[in-house]
Amino acid sequence: MPTYMLKHRGFPGRLPGTDFQFTVRRPNPKGVTPITRRERRSDRRAPDRRADTAFVKALWEAFGEHPFERGNLDAGRLSWLFGREVLPATDPFDPADYEALLVLDVPAARAAFPEAFEG
């Protein structure tokens, strides 16, 4: 079982003032939680949409267009974006690996979350 998990220093741990988590503190002792594509419906709650926007903004500010290691980024939060704004950076891709490489699809992210790129 992999125990190495890169900690992205300076990356926000959560959306301020909420319980929406962006990072995890330590590897899951039961195994790595896989990243899976979650469907976003148009009627998602406003706080959920704010969390997605803030997470995309944090990804953009931390990594830009460059591939990044999954590390301690929360699998649940990544799953809301996976397959659309966040893509595998390697083939084959292991969704249950802390060392898996991902990349922000900037055109898709700008289209879905334009406010994440303002300012």
PDB file of N, CA and C in Angstrom:
ATOM      1  N   MET A   1       0.851  -1.195   0.000  1.00  0.00           N
ATOM      2  CA  MET A   1       0.000   0.000   0.000  1.00  0.00           C
ATOM      3  C   MET A   1       0.885   1.242   0.000  1.00  0.00           C
ATOM      4  N   PRO A   2       0.665   2.178  -0.939  1.00  0.00           N
ATOM      5  CA  PRO A   2       1.495   3.374  -0.983  1.00  0.00           C
ATOM      6  C   PRO A   2       1.236   4.267   0.221  1.00  0.00           C
ATOM      7  N   THR A   3       2.310   4.744   0.794  1.00  0.00           N
ATOM      8  CA  THR A   3       2.162   5.632   1.937  1.00  0.00           C
ATOM      9  C   THR A   3       2.699   7.022   1.639  1.00  0.00           C
ATOM     10  N   TYR A   4       3.466   7.170   0.526  1.00  0.00           N
ATOM     11  CA  TYR A   4       3.989   8.480   0.172  1.00  0.00           C
ATOM     12  C   TYR A   4       2.867   9.339  -0.390  1.00  0.00           C
ATOM     13  N   MET A   5       2.782  10.548   0.129  1.00  0.00           N
ATOM     14  CA  MET A   5       1.780  11.481  -0.358  1.00  0.00           C
ATOM     15  C   MET A   5       2.395  12.873  -0.312  1.00  0.00           C
ATOM     16  N   LEU A   6       2.649  13.444  -1.477  1.00  0.00           N
ATOM     17  CA  LEU A   6       3.184  14.792  -1.548  1.00  0.00           C
ATOM     18  C   LEU A   6       2.201  15.765  -0.909  1.00  0.00           C
ATOM     19  N   LYS A   7       2.707  16.620  -0.040  1.00  0.00           N
ATOM     20  CA  LYS A   7       1.863  17.665   0.535  1.00  0.00           C
ATOM     21  C   LYS A   7       2.144  18.961  -0.219  1.00  0.00           C
ATOM     22  N   HIS A   8       1.109  19.503  -0.828  1.00  0.00           N
ATOM     23  CA  HIS A   8       1.241  20.733  -1.599  1.00  0.00           C
ATOM     24  C   HIS A   8       1.229  21.913  -0.631  1.00  0.00           C
ATOM     25  N   ARG A   9       2.410  22.341  -0.242  1.00  0.00           N
ATOM     26  CA  ARG A   9       2.542  23.468   0.697  1.00  0.00           C
ATOM     27  C   ARG A   9       1.998  24.745   0.065  1.00  0.00           C
ATOM     28  N   GLY A  10       1.255  25.507   0.834  1.00  0.00           N
ATOM     29  CA  GLY A  10       0.693  26.756   0.344  1.00  0.00           C
ATOM     30  C   GLY A  10      -0.653  26.608  -0.345  1.00  0.00           C
ATOM     31  N   PHE A  11      -1.044  25.365  -0.637  1.00  0.00           N
ATOM     32  CA  PHE A  11      -2.350  25.140  -1.257  1.00  0.00           C
ATOM     33  C   PHE A  11      -3.406  25.260  -0.161  1.00  0.00           C
ATOM     34  N   PRO A  12      -4.520  25.963  -0.406  1.00  0.00           N
ATOM     35  CA  PRO A  12      -5.533  26.103   0.653  1.00  0.00           C
ATOM     36  C   PRO A  12      -6.105  24.748   1.066  1.00  0.00           C
ATOM     37  N   GLY A  13      -6.286  24.559   2.366  1.00  0.00           N
ATOM     38  CA  GLY A  13      -6.809  23.300   2.889  1.00  0.00           C
ATOM     39  C   GLY A  13      -8.305  23.138   2.709  1.00  0.00           C
ATOM     40  N   ARG A  14      -9.005  24.257   2.610  1.00  0.00           N
ATOM     41  CA  ARG A  14     -10.465  24.219   2.460  1.00  0.00           C
ATOM     42  C   ARG A  14     -10.948  25.574   1.971  1.00  0.00           C
ATOM     43  N   LEU A  15     -12.224  25.618   1.602  1.00  0.00           N
ATOM     44  CA  LEU A  15     -12.837  26.895   1.251  1.00  0.00           C
ATOM     45  C   LEU A  15     -13.064  27.650   2.564  1.00  0.00           C
ATOM     46  N   PRO A  16     -12.501  28.847   2.703  1.00  0.00           N
ATOM     47  CA  PRO A  16     -12.637  29.587   3.966  1.00  0.00           C
ATOM     48  C   PRO A  16     -14.095  29.720   4.416  1.00  0.00           C
ATOM     49  N   GLY A  17     -14.312  29.478   5.699  1.00  0.00           N
ATOM     50  CA  GLY A  17     -15.631  29.623   6.290  1.00  0.00           C
ATOM     51  C   GLY A  17     -16.567  28.462   6.041  1.00  0.00           C
ATOM     52  N   THR A  18     -16.056  27.366   5.453  1.00  0.00           N
ATOM     53  CA  THR A  18     -16.900  26.210   5.149  1.00  0.00           C
ATOM     54  C   THR A  18     -16.188  24.920   5.551  1.00  0.00           C
ATOM     55  N   ASP A  19     -16.870  23.821   5.375  1.00  0.00           N
ATOM     56  CA  ASP A  19     -16.271  22.512   5.578  1.00  0.00           C
ATOM     57  C   ASP A  19     -15.894  21.851   4.255  1.00  0.00           C
ATOM     58  N   PHE A  20     -15.873  22.615   3.155  1.00  0.00           N
ATOM     59  CA  PHE A  20     -15.480  22.068   1.866  1.00  0.00           C
ATOM     60  C   PHE A  20     -13.964  21.898   1.847  1.00  0.00           C
ATOM     61  N   GLN A  21     -13.522  20.659   1.879  1.00  0.00           N
ATOM     62  CA  GLN A  21     -12.117  20.307   2.005  1.00  0.00           C
ATOM     63  C   GLN A  21     -11.437  20.294   0.639  1.00  0.00           C
ATOM     64  N   PHE A  22     -10.215  20.829   0.577  1.00  0.00           N
ATOM     65  CA  PHE A  22      -9.416  20.826  -0.643  1.00  0.00           C
ATOM     66  C   PHE A  22      -8.233  19.865  -0.540  1.00  0.00           C
ATOM     67  N   THR A  23      -7.719  19.665   0.675  1.00  0.00           N
ATOM     68  CA  THR A  23      -6.581  18.770   0.877  1.00  0.00           C
ATOM     69  C   THR A  23      -6.877  17.831   2.045  1.00  0.00           C
ATOM     70  N   VAL A  24      -6.101  16.748   2.104  1.00  0.00           N
ATOM     71  CA  VAL A  24      -6.177  15.813   3.227  1.00  0.00           C
ATOM     72  C   VAL A  24      -4.861  15.895   3.985  1.00  0.00           C
ATOM     73  N   ARG A  25      -4.911  15.569   5.266  1.00  0.00           N
ATOM     74  CA  ARG A  25      -3.728  15.716   6.107  1.00  0.00           C
ATOM     75  C   ARG A  25      -2.747  14.566   5.986  1.00  0.00           C
ATOM     76  N   ARG A  26      -3.281  13.353   5.813  1.00  0.00           N
ATOM     77  CA  ARG A  26      -2.415  12.172   5.790  1.00  0.00           C
ATOM     78  C   ARG A  26      -2.999  11.127   4.860  1.00  0.00           C
ATOM     79  N   PRO A  27      -2.153  10.191   4.421  1.00  0.00           N
ATOM     80  CA  PRO A  27      -2.655   9.118   3.545  1.00  0.00           C
ATOM     81  C   PRO A  27      -3.742   8.307   4.245  1.00  0.00           C
ATOM     82  N   ASN A  28      -4.682   7.814   3.480  1.00  0.00           N
ATOM     83  CA  ASN A  28      -5.758   6.982   4.004  1.00  0.00           C
ATOM     84  C   ASN A  28      -5.178   5.614   4.364  1.00  0.00           C
ATOM     85  N   PRO A  29      -5.269   5.203   5.620  1.00  0.00           N
ATOM     86  CA  PRO A  29      -4.687   3.915   6.009  1.00  0.00           C
ATOM     87  C   PRO A  29      -5.389   2.716   5.367  1.00  0.00           C
ATOM     88  N   LYS A  30      -6.603   2.900   4.877  1.00  0.00           N
ATOM     89  CA  LYS A  30      -7.340   1.804   4.241  1.00  0.00           C
ATOM     90  C   LYS A  30      -7.041   1.703   2.750  1.00  0.00           C
ATOM     91  N   GLY A  31      -6.241   2.609   2.234  1.00  0.00           N
ATOM     92  CA  GLY A  31      -5.925   2.628   0.808  1.00  0.00           C
ATOM     93  C   GLY A  31      -6.282   3.975   0.204  1.00  0.00           C
ATOM     94  N   VAL A  32      -5.734   4.231  -0.947  1.00  0.00           N
ATOM     95  CA  VAL A  32      -5.929   5.511  -1.626  1.00  0.00           C
ATOM     96  C   VAL A  32      -7.349   5.588  -2.179  1.00  0.00           C
ATOM     97  N   THR A  33      -8.039   6.661  -1.868  1.00  0.00           N
ATOM     98  CA  THR A  33      -9.378   6.879  -2.419  1.00  0.00           C
ATOM     99  C   THR A  33      -9.240   7.212  -3.900  1.00  0.00           C
ATOM    100  N   PRO A  34      -9.863   6.430  -4.775  1.00  0.00           N
ATOM    101  CA  PRO A  34      -9.715   6.705  -6.207  1.00  0.00           C
ATOM    102  C   PRO A  34     -10.477   7.961  -6.632  1.00  0.00           C
ATOM    103  N   ILE A  35      -9.940   8.604  -7.645  1.00  0.00           N
ATOM    104  CA  ILE A  35     -10.621   9.743  -8.264  1.00  0.00           C
ATOM    105  C   ILE A  35     -11.596   9.167  -9.290  1.00  0.00           C
ATOM    106  N   THR A  36     -12.847   9.567  -9.199  1.00  0.00           N
ATOM    107  CA  THR A  36     -13.858   9.114 -10.146  1.00  0.00           C
ATOM    108  C   THR A  36     -14.603  10.340 -10.675  1.00  0.00           C
ATOM    109  N   ARG A  37     -15.079  10.249 -11.874  1.00  0.00           N
ATOM    110  CA  ARG A  37     -15.833  11.381 -12.442  1.00  0.00           C
ATOM    111  C   ARG A  37     -17.210  11.449 -11.794  1.00  0.00           C
ATOM    112  N   ARG A  38     -17.519  12.586 -11.183  1.00  0.00           N
ATOM    113  CA  ARG A  38     -18.841  12.825 -10.606  1.00  0.00           C
ATOM    114  C   ARG A  38     -19.589  13.786 -11.515  1.00  0.00           C
ATOM    115  N   GLU A  39     -20.849  13.487 -11.744  1.00  0.00           N
ATOM    116  CA  GLU A  39     -21.663  14.350 -12.599  1.00  0.00           C
ATOM    117  C   GLU A  39     -22.102  15.589 -11.835  1.00  0.00           C
ATOM    118  N   ARG A  40     -21.908  16.751 -12.463  1.00  0.00           N
ATOM    119  CA  ARG A  40     -22.381  18.013 -11.882  1.00  0.00           C
ATOM    120  C   ARG A  40     -23.677  18.376 -12.562  1.00  0.00           C
ATOM    121  N   ARG A  41     -24.697  18.570 -11.792  1.00  0.00           N
ATOM    122  CA  ARG A  41     -25.990  18.973 -12.347  1.00  0.00           C
ATOM    123  C   ARG A  41     -26.108  20.493 -12.317  1.00  0.00           C
ATOM    124  N   SER A  42     -26.914  21.019 -13.202  1.00  0.00           N
ATOM    125  CA  SER A  42     -27.075  22.469 -13.293  1.00  0.00           C
ATOM    126  C   SER A  42     -27.743  23.059 -12.060  1.00  0.00           C
ATOM    127  N   ASP A  43     -28.423  22.220 -11.262  1.00  0.00           N
ATOM    128  CA  ASP A  43     -29.112  22.732 -10.077  1.00  0.00           C
ATOM    129  C   ASP A  43     -28.285  22.546  -8.800  1.00  0.00           C
ATOM    130  N   ARG A  44     -26.956  22.413  -8.939  1.00  0.00           N
ATOM    131  CA  ARG A  44     -26.104  22.284  -7.745  1.00  0.00           C
ATOM    132  C   ARG A  44     -26.259  23.516  -6.871  1.00  0.00           C
ATOM    133  N   ARG A  45     -26.122  23.297  -5.592  1.00  0.00           N
ATOM    134  CA  ARG A  45     -26.249  24.395  -4.631  1.00  0.00           C
ATOM    135  C   ARG A  45     -25.147  25.429  -4.844  1.00  0.00           C
ATOM    136  N   ALA A  46     -25.449  26.671  -4.532  1.00  0.00           N
ATOM    137  CA  ALA A  46     -24.485  27.761  -4.696  1.00  0.00           C
ATOM    138  C   ALA A  46     -23.196  27.513  -3.901  1.00  0.00           C
ATOM    139  N   PRO A  47     -23.254  27.027  -2.648  1.00  0.00           N
ATOM    140  CA  PRO A  47     -21.995  26.758  -1.931  1.00  0.00           C
ATOM    141  C   PRO A  47     -21.122  25.710  -2.635  1.00  0.00           C
ATOM    142  N   ASP A  48     -21.742  24.711  -3.246  1.00  0.00           N
ATOM    143  CA  ASP A  48     -20.976  23.705  -3.988  1.00  0.00           C
ATOM    144  C   ASP A  48     -20.287  24.341  -5.197  1.00  0.00           C
ATOM    145  N   ARG A  49     -20.992  25.211  -5.883  1.00  0.00           N
ATOM    146  CA  ARG A  49     -20.412  25.891  -7.045  1.00  0.00           C
ATOM    147  C   ARG A  49     -19.271  26.815  -6.621  1.00  0.00           C
ATOM    148  N   ARG A  50     -19.433  27.486  -5.471  1.00  0.00           N
ATOM    149  CA  ARG A  50     -18.352  28.348  -4.959  1.00  0.00           C
ATOM    150  C   ARG A  50     -17.118  27.521  -4.620  1.00  0.00           C
ATOM    151  N   ALA A  51     -17.321  26.345  -4.038  1.00  0.00           N
ATOM    152  CA  ALA A  51     -16.195  25.472  -3.699  1.00  0.00           C
ATOM    153  C   ALA A  51     -15.476  25.009  -4.967  1.00  0.00           C
ATOM    154  N   ASP A  52     -16.223  24.638  -5.995  1.00  0.00           N
ATOM    155  CA  ASP A  52     -15.608  24.230  -7.258  1.00  0.00           C
ATOM    156  C   ASP A  52     -14.789  25.376  -7.854  1.00  0.00           C
ATOM    157  N   THR A  53     -15.363  26.566  -7.852  1.00  0.00           N
ATOM    158  CA  THR A  53     -14.680  27.740  -8.406  1.00  0.00           C
ATOM    159  C   THR A  53     -13.397  28.031  -7.630  1.00  0.00           C
ATOM    160  N   ALA A  54     -13.478  28.016  -6.314  1.00  0.00           N
ATOM    161  CA  ALA A  54     -12.300  28.301  -5.485  1.00  0.00           C
ATOM    162  C   ALA A  54     -11.218  27.239  -5.681  1.00  0.00           C
ATOM    163  N   PHE A  55     -11.628  25.987  -5.851  1.00  0.00           N
ATOM    164  CA  PHE A  55     -10.667  24.908  -6.062  1.00  0.00           C
ATOM    165  C   PHE A  55      -9.974  25.063  -7.417  1.00  0.00           C
ATOM    166  N   VAL A  56     -10.730  25.383  -8.465  1.00  0.00           N
ATOM    167  CA  VAL A  56     -10.141  25.624  -9.781  1.00  0.00           C
ATOM    168  C   VAL A  56      -9.168  26.798  -9.706  1.00  0.00           C
ATOM    169  N   LYS A  57      -9.549  27.859  -9.015  1.00  0.00           N
ATOM    170  CA  LYS A  57      -8.668  29.022  -8.863  1.00  0.00           C
ATOM    171  C   LYS A  57      -7.373  28.626  -8.159  1.00  0.00           C
ATOM    172  N   ALA A  58      -7.482  27.818  -7.113  1.00  0.00           N
ATOM    173  CA  ALA A  58      -6.289  27.370  -6.386  1.00  0.00           C
ATOM    174  C   ALA A  58      -5.401  26.495  -7.272  1.00  0.00           C
ATOM    175  N   LEU A  59      -6.010  25.619  -8.073  1.00  0.00           N
ATOM    176  CA  LEU A  59      -5.235  24.793  -9.002  1.00  0.00           C
ATOM    177  C   LEU A  59      -4.500  25.677 -10.009  1.00  0.00           C
ATOM    178  N   TRP A  60      -5.185  26.654 -10.556  1.00  0.00           N
ATOM    179  CA  TRP A  60      -4.601  27.559 -11.540  1.00  0.00           C
ATOM    180  C   TRP A  60      -3.428  28.330 -10.932  1.00  0.00           C
ATOM    181  N   GLU A  61      -3.644  28.876  -9.734  1.00  0.00           N
ATOM    182  CA  GLU A  61      -2.594  29.664  -9.095  1.00  0.00           C
ATOM    183  C   GLU A  61      -1.398  28.811  -8.686  1.00  0.00           C
ATOM    184  N   ALA A  62      -1.641  27.568  -8.308  1.00  0.00           N
ATOM    185  CA  ALA A  62      -0.553  26.703  -7.848  1.00  0.00           C
ATOM    186  C   ALA A  62       0.210  26.045  -8.994  1.00  0.00           C
ATOM    187  N   PHE A  63      -0.508  25.635 -10.055  1.00  0.00           N
ATOM    188  CA  PHE A  63       0.117  24.810 -11.085  1.00  0.00           C
ATOM    189  C   PHE A  63       0.029  25.373 -12.498  1.00  0.00           C
ATOM    190  N   GLY A  64      -0.903  26.280 -12.744  1.00  0.00           N
ATOM    191  CA  GLY A  64      -1.065  26.806 -14.093  1.00  0.00           C
ATOM    192  C   GLY A  64      -1.401  25.691 -15.072  1.00  0.00           C
ATOM    193  N   GLU A  65      -0.733  25.674 -16.205  1.00  0.00           N
ATOM    194  CA  GLU A  65      -0.986  24.677 -17.251  1.00  0.00           C
ATOM    195  C   GLU A  65      -0.108  23.444 -17.098  1.00  0.00           C
ATOM    196  N   HIS A  66       0.705  23.395 -16.045  1.00  0.00           N
ATOM    197  CA  HIS A  66       1.678  22.317 -15.869  1.00  0.00           C
ATOM    198  C   HIS A  66       1.073  21.111 -15.162  1.00  0.00           C
ATOM    199  N   PRO A  67       1.535  19.920 -15.513  1.00  0.00           N
ATOM    200  CA  PRO A  67       1.084  18.726 -14.787  1.00  0.00           C
ATOM    201  C   PRO A  67       1.455  18.826 -13.306  1.00  0.00           C
ATOM    202  N   PHE A  68       0.616  18.227 -12.473  1.00  0.00           N
ATOM    203  CA  PHE A  68       0.869  18.237 -11.030  1.00  0.00           C
ATOM    204  C   PHE A  68       0.543  16.878 -10.449  1.00  0.00           C
ATOM    205  N   GLU A  69       1.233  16.570  -9.359  1.00  0.00           N
ATOM    206  CA  GLU A  69       1.005  15.317  -8.661  1.00  0.00           C
ATOM    207  C   GLU A  69      -0.245  15.441  -7.796  1.00  0.00           C
ATOM    208  N   ARG A  70      -1.052  14.403  -7.790  1.00  0.00           N
ATOM    209  CA  ARG A  70      -2.270  14.401  -6.976  1.00  0.00           C
ATOM    210  C   ARG A  70      -1.941  14.688  -5.515  1.00  0.00           C
ATOM    211  N   GLY A  71      -0.999  13.975  -4.958  1.00  0.00           N
ATOM    212  CA  GLY A  71      -0.562  14.214  -3.586  1.00  0.00           C
ATOM    213  C   GLY A  71      -1.711  14.269  -2.600  1.00  0.00           C
ATOM    214  N   ASN A  72      -1.716  15.330  -1.798  1.00  0.00           N
ATOM    215  CA  ASN A  72      -2.731  15.445  -0.752  1.00  0.00           C
ATOM    216  C   ASN A  72      -3.996  16.182  -1.184  1.00  0.00           C
ATOM    217  N   LEU A  73      -4.172  16.373  -2.487  1.00  0.00           N
ATOM    218  CA  LEU A  73      -5.415  17.001  -2.959  1.00  0.00           C
ATOM    219  C   LEU A  73      -6.578  16.045  -2.747  1.00  0.00           C
ATOM    220  N   ASP A  74      -7.679  16.553  -2.272  1.00  0.00           N
ATOM    221  CA  ASP A  74      -8.834  15.741  -1.903  1.00  0.00           C
ATOM    222  C   ASP A  74      -9.454  15.051  -3.125  1.00  0.00           C
ATOM    223  N   ALA A  75      -9.596  13.739  -3.039  1.00  0.00           N
ATOM    224  CA  ALA A  75     -10.154  12.951  -4.146  1.00  0.00           C
ATOM    225  C   ALA A  75     -11.591  13.363  -4.448  1.00  0.00           C
ATOM    226  N   GLY A  76     -12.370  13.638  -3.431  1.00  0.00           N
ATOM    227  CA  GLY A  76     -13.761  14.045  -3.654  1.00  0.00           C
ATOM    228  C   GLY A  76     -13.854  15.348  -4.417  1.00  0.00           C
ATOM    229  N   ARG A  77     -13.038  16.320  -4.043  1.00  0.00           N
ATOM    230  CA  ARG A  77     -13.068  17.618  -4.723  1.00  0.00           C
ATOM    231  C   ARG A  77     -12.559  17.466  -6.156  1.00  0.00           C
ATOM    232  N   LEU A  78     -11.491  16.674  -6.356  1.00  0.00           N
ATOM    233  CA  LEU A  78     -10.988  16.427  -7.711  1.00  0.00           C
ATOM    234  C   LEU A  78     -12.033  15.715  -8.563  1.00  0.00           C
ATOM    235  N   SER A  79     -12.798  14.830  -7.943  1.00  0.00           N
ATOM    236  CA  SER A  79     -13.778  14.035  -8.693  1.00  0.00           C
ATOM    237  C   SER A  79     -14.875  14.893  -9.310  1.00  0.00           C
ATOM    238  N   TRP A  80     -15.192  16.038  -8.702  1.00  0.00           N
ATOM    239  CA  TRP A  80     -16.213  16.919  -9.278  1.00  0.00           C
ATOM    240  C   TRP A  80     -15.716  17.563 -10.566  1.00  0.00           C
ATOM    241  N   LEU A  81     -14.388  17.596 -10.775  1.00  0.00           N
ATOM    242  CA  LEU A  81     -13.797  18.238 -11.947  1.00  0.00           C
ATOM    243  C   LEU A  81     -13.189  17.242 -12.925  1.00  0.00           C
ATOM    244  N   PHE A  82     -12.968  16.018 -12.461  1.00  0.00           N
ATOM    245  CA  PHE A  82     -12.222  15.025 -13.236  1.00  0.00           C
ATOM    246  C   PHE A  82     -12.944  14.656 -14.535  1.00  0.00           C
ATOM    247  N   GLY A  83     -12.165  14.595 -15.605  1.00  0.00           N
ATOM    248  CA  GLY A  83     -12.711  14.250 -16.912  1.00  0.00           C
ATOM    249  C   GLY A  83     -13.238  15.445 -17.680  1.00  0.00           C
ATOM    250  N   ARG A  84     -13.245  16.604 -17.050  1.00  0.00           N
ATOM    251  CA  ARG A  84     -13.683  17.835 -17.704  1.00  0.00           C
ATOM    252  C   ARG A  84     -12.588  18.896 -17.553  1.00  0.00           C
ATOM    253  N   GLU A  85     -12.500  19.501 -16.373  1.00  0.00           N
ATOM    254  CA  GLU A  85     -11.513  20.567 -16.148  1.00  0.00           C
ATOM    255  C   GLU A  85     -10.170  20.025 -15.654  1.00  0.00           C
ATOM    256  N   VAL A  86     -10.173  18.872 -15.045  1.00  0.00           N
ATOM    257  CA  VAL A  86      -8.943  18.218 -14.595  1.00  0.00           C
ATOM    258  C   VAL A  86      -8.846  16.879 -15.323  1.00  0.00           C
ATOM    259  N   LEU A  87      -7.705  16.679 -15.990  1.00  0.00           N
ATOM    260  CA  LEU A  87      -7.512  15.497 -16.821  1.00  0.00           C
ATOM    261  C   LEU A  87      -6.273  14.719 -16.380  1.00  0.00           C
ATOM    262  N   PRO A  88      -6.230  13.424 -16.693  1.00  0.00           N
ATOM    263  CA  PRO A  88      -4.996  12.676 -16.451  1.00  0.00           C
ATOM    264  C   PRO A  88      -3.878  13.262 -17.318  1.00  0.00           C
ATOM    265  N   ALA A  89      -2.677  13.347 -16.750  1.00  0.00           N
ATOM    266  CA  ALA A  89      -1.544  13.876 -17.507  1.00  0.00           C
ATOM    267  C   ALA A  89      -0.689  12.755 -18.078  1.00  0.00           C
ATOM    268  N   THR A  90      -1.004  11.510 -17.722  1.00  0.00           N
ATOM    269  CA  THR A  90      -0.249  10.365 -18.214  1.00  0.00           C
ATOM    270  C   THR A  90      -1.210   9.268 -18.660  1.00  0.00           C
ATOM    271  N   ASP A  91      -0.679   8.395 -19.512  1.00  0.00           N
ATOM    272  CA  ASP A  91      -1.437   7.227 -19.936  1.00  0.00           C
ATOM    273  C   ASP A  91      -0.474   6.053 -19.882  1.00  0.00           C
ATOM    274  N   PRO A  92      -0.694   5.068 -19.061  1.00  0.00           N
ATOM    275  CA  PRO A  92      -1.909   4.837 -18.283  1.00  0.00           C
ATOM    276  C   PRO A  92      -1.977   5.751 -17.060  1.00  0.00           C
ATOM    277  N   PHE A  93      -3.179   5.879 -16.535  1.00  0.00           N
ATOM    278  CA  PHE A  93      -3.446   6.712 -15.366  1.00  0.00           C
ATOM    279  C   PHE A  93      -4.053   5.838 -14.280  1.00  0.00           C
ATOM    280  N   ASP A  94      -3.508   5.929 -13.083  1.00  0.00           N
ATOM    281  CA  ASP A  94      -4.045   5.172 -11.946  1.00  0.00           C
ATOM    282  C   ASP A  94      -4.806   6.142 -11.049  1.00  0.00           C
ATOM    283  N   PRO A  95      -6.138   6.080 -11.008  1.00  0.00           N
ATOM    284  CA  PRO A  95      -6.925   7.023 -10.205  1.00  0.00           C
ATOM    285  C   PRO A  95      -6.788   6.799  -8.699  1.00  0.00           C
ATOM    286  N   ALA A  96      -6.113   5.708  -8.309  1.00  0.00           N
ATOM    287  CA  ALA A  96      -5.932   5.410  -6.882  1.00  0.00           C
ATOM    288  C   ALA A  96      -4.449   5.462  -6.517  1.00  0.00           C
ATOM    289  N   ASP A  97      -3.740   6.465  -7.038  1.00  0.00           N
ATOM    290  CA  ASP A  97      -2.318   6.621  -6.763  1.00  0.00           C
ATOM    291  C   ASP A  97      -2.051   8.068  -6.354  1.00  0.00           C
ATOM    292  N   TYR A  98      -1.451   8.252  -5.174  1.00  0.00           N
ATOM    293  CA  TYR A  98      -1.116   9.603  -4.723  1.00  0.00           C
ATOM    294  C   TYR A  98      -0.097  10.269  -5.647  1.00  0.00           C
ATOM    295  N   GLU A  99       0.676   9.475  -6.384  1.00  0.00           N
ATOM    296  CA  GLU A  99       1.691  10.028  -7.265  1.00  0.00           C
ATOM    297  C   GLU A  99       1.188  10.244  -8.700  1.00  0.00           C
ATOM    298  N   ALA A 100      -0.079   9.979  -8.956  1.00  0.00           N
ATOM    299  CA  ALA A 100      -0.652  10.171 -10.291  1.00  0.00           C
ATOM    300  C   ALA A 100      -0.541  11.637 -10.702  1.00  0.00           C
ATOM    301  N   LEU A 101      -0.269  11.846 -11.991  1.00  0.00           N
ATOM    302  CA  LEU A 101      -0.151  13.205 -12.511  1.00  0.00           C
ATOM    303  C   LEU A 101      -1.449  13.638 -13.177  1.00  0.00           C
ATOM    304  N   LEU A 102      -1.845  14.860 -12.863  1.00  0.00           N
ATOM    305  CA  LEU A 102      -3.051  15.471 -13.416  1.00  0.00           C
ATOM    306  C   LEU A 102      -2.659  16.781 -14.077  1.00  0.00           C
ATOM    307  N   VAL A 103      -3.561  17.328 -14.857  1.00  0.00           N
ATOM    308  CA  VAL A 103      -3.328  18.629 -15.476  1.00  0.00           C
ATOM    309  C   VAL A 103      -4.660  19.365 -15.573  1.00  0.00           C
ATOM    310  N   LEU A 104      -4.603  20.665 -15.382  1.00  0.00           N
ATOM    311  CA  LEU A 104      -5.786  21.500 -15.532  1.00  0.00           C
ATOM    312  C   LEU A 104      -6.006  21.770 -17.017  1.00  0.00           C
ATOM    313  N   ASP A 105      -7.183  21.441 -17.525  1.00  0.00           N
ATOM    314  CA  ASP A 105      -7.548  21.768 -18.902  1.00  0.00           C
ATOM    315  C   ASP A 105      -8.020  23.227 -18.863  1.00  0.00           C
ATOM    316  N   VAL A 106      -7.102  24.123 -19.146  1.00  0.00           N
ATOM    317  CA  VAL A 106      -7.372  25.546 -18.943  1.00  0.00           C
ATOM    318  C   VAL A 106      -8.541  26.049 -19.786  1.00  0.00           C
ATOM    319  N   PRO A 107      -8.642  25.729 -21.080  1.00  0.00           N
ATOM    320  CA  PRO A 107      -9.815  26.212 -21.827  1.00  0.00           C
ATOM    321  C   PRO A 107     -11.142  25.704 -21.234  1.00  0.00           C
ATOM    322  N   ALA A 108     -11.197  24.449 -20.838  1.00  0.00           N
ATOM    323  CA  ALA A 108     -12.427  23.915 -20.242  1.00  0.00           C
ATOM    324  C   ALA A 108     -12.703  24.572 -18.891  1.00  0.00           C
ATOM    325  N   ALA A 109     -11.653  24.781 -18.103  1.00  0.00           N
ATOM    326  CA  ALA A 109     -11.821  25.410 -16.785  1.00  0.00           C
ATOM    327  C   ALA A 109     -12.279  26.860 -16.926  1.00  0.00           C
ATOM    328  N   ARG A 110     -11.700  27.583 -17.894  1.00  0.00           N
ATOM    329  CA  ARG A 110     -12.123  28.981 -18.123  1.00  0.00           C
ATOM    330  C   ARG A 110     -13.582  29.052 -18.561  1.00  0.00           C
ATOM    331  N   ALA A 111     -14.003  28.097 -19.379  1.00  0.00           N
ATOM    332  CA  ALA A 111     -15.390  28.090 -19.859  1.00  0.00           C
ATOM    333  C   ALA A 111     -16.359  27.769 -18.723  1.00  0.00           C
ATOM    334  N   ALA A 112     -15.993  26.822 -17.870  1.00  0.00           N
ATOM    335  CA  ALA A 112     -16.890  26.401 -16.793  1.00  0.00           C
ATOM    336  C   ALA A 112     -16.840  27.318 -15.575  1.00  0.00           C
ATOM    337  N   PHE A 113     -15.666  27.890 -15.291  1.00  0.00           N
ATOM    338  CA  PHE A 113     -15.472  28.716 -14.090  1.00  0.00           C
ATOM    339  C   PHE A 113     -14.717  29.997 -14.439  1.00  0.00           C
ATOM    340  N   PRO A 114     -15.302  30.867 -15.250  1.00  0.00           N
ATOM    341  CA  PRO A 114     -14.573  32.065 -15.678  1.00  0.00           C
ATOM    342  C   PRO A 114     -14.149  32.955 -14.505  1.00  0.00           C
ATOM    343  N   GLU A 115     -14.932  32.973 -13.440  1.00  0.00           N
ATOM    344  CA  GLU A 115     -14.588  33.829 -12.294  1.00  0.00           C
ATOM    345  C   GLU A 115     -13.333  33.348 -11.570  1.00  0.00           C
ATOM    346  N   ALA A 116     -12.901  32.111 -11.774  1.00  0.00           N
ATOM    347  CA  ALA A 116     -11.682  31.593 -11.161  1.00  0.00           C
ATOM    348  C   ALA A 116     -10.439  32.217 -11.790  1.00  0.00           C
ATOM    349  N   PHE A 117     -10.596  32.825 -12.958  1.00  0.00           N
ATOM    350  CA  PHE A 117      -9.455  33.377 -13.685  1.00  0.00           C
ATOM    351  C   PHE A 117      -9.449  34.909 -13.694  1.00  0.00           C
ATOM    352  N   GLU A 118     -10.387  35.507 -12.980  1.00  0.00           N
ATOM    353  CA  GLU A 118     -10.465  36.959 -12.908  1.00  0.00           C
ATOM    354  C   GLU A 118      -9.489  37.479 -11.864  1.00  0.00           C
ATOM    355  N   GLY A 119      -8.988  38.650 -12.106  1.00  0.00           N
ATOM    356  CA  GLY A 119      -8.138  39.318 -11.128  1.00  0.00           C
ATOM    357  C   GLY A 119      -6.807  38.791 -11.097  1.00  0.00           C
TER     358      GLY A 119
END
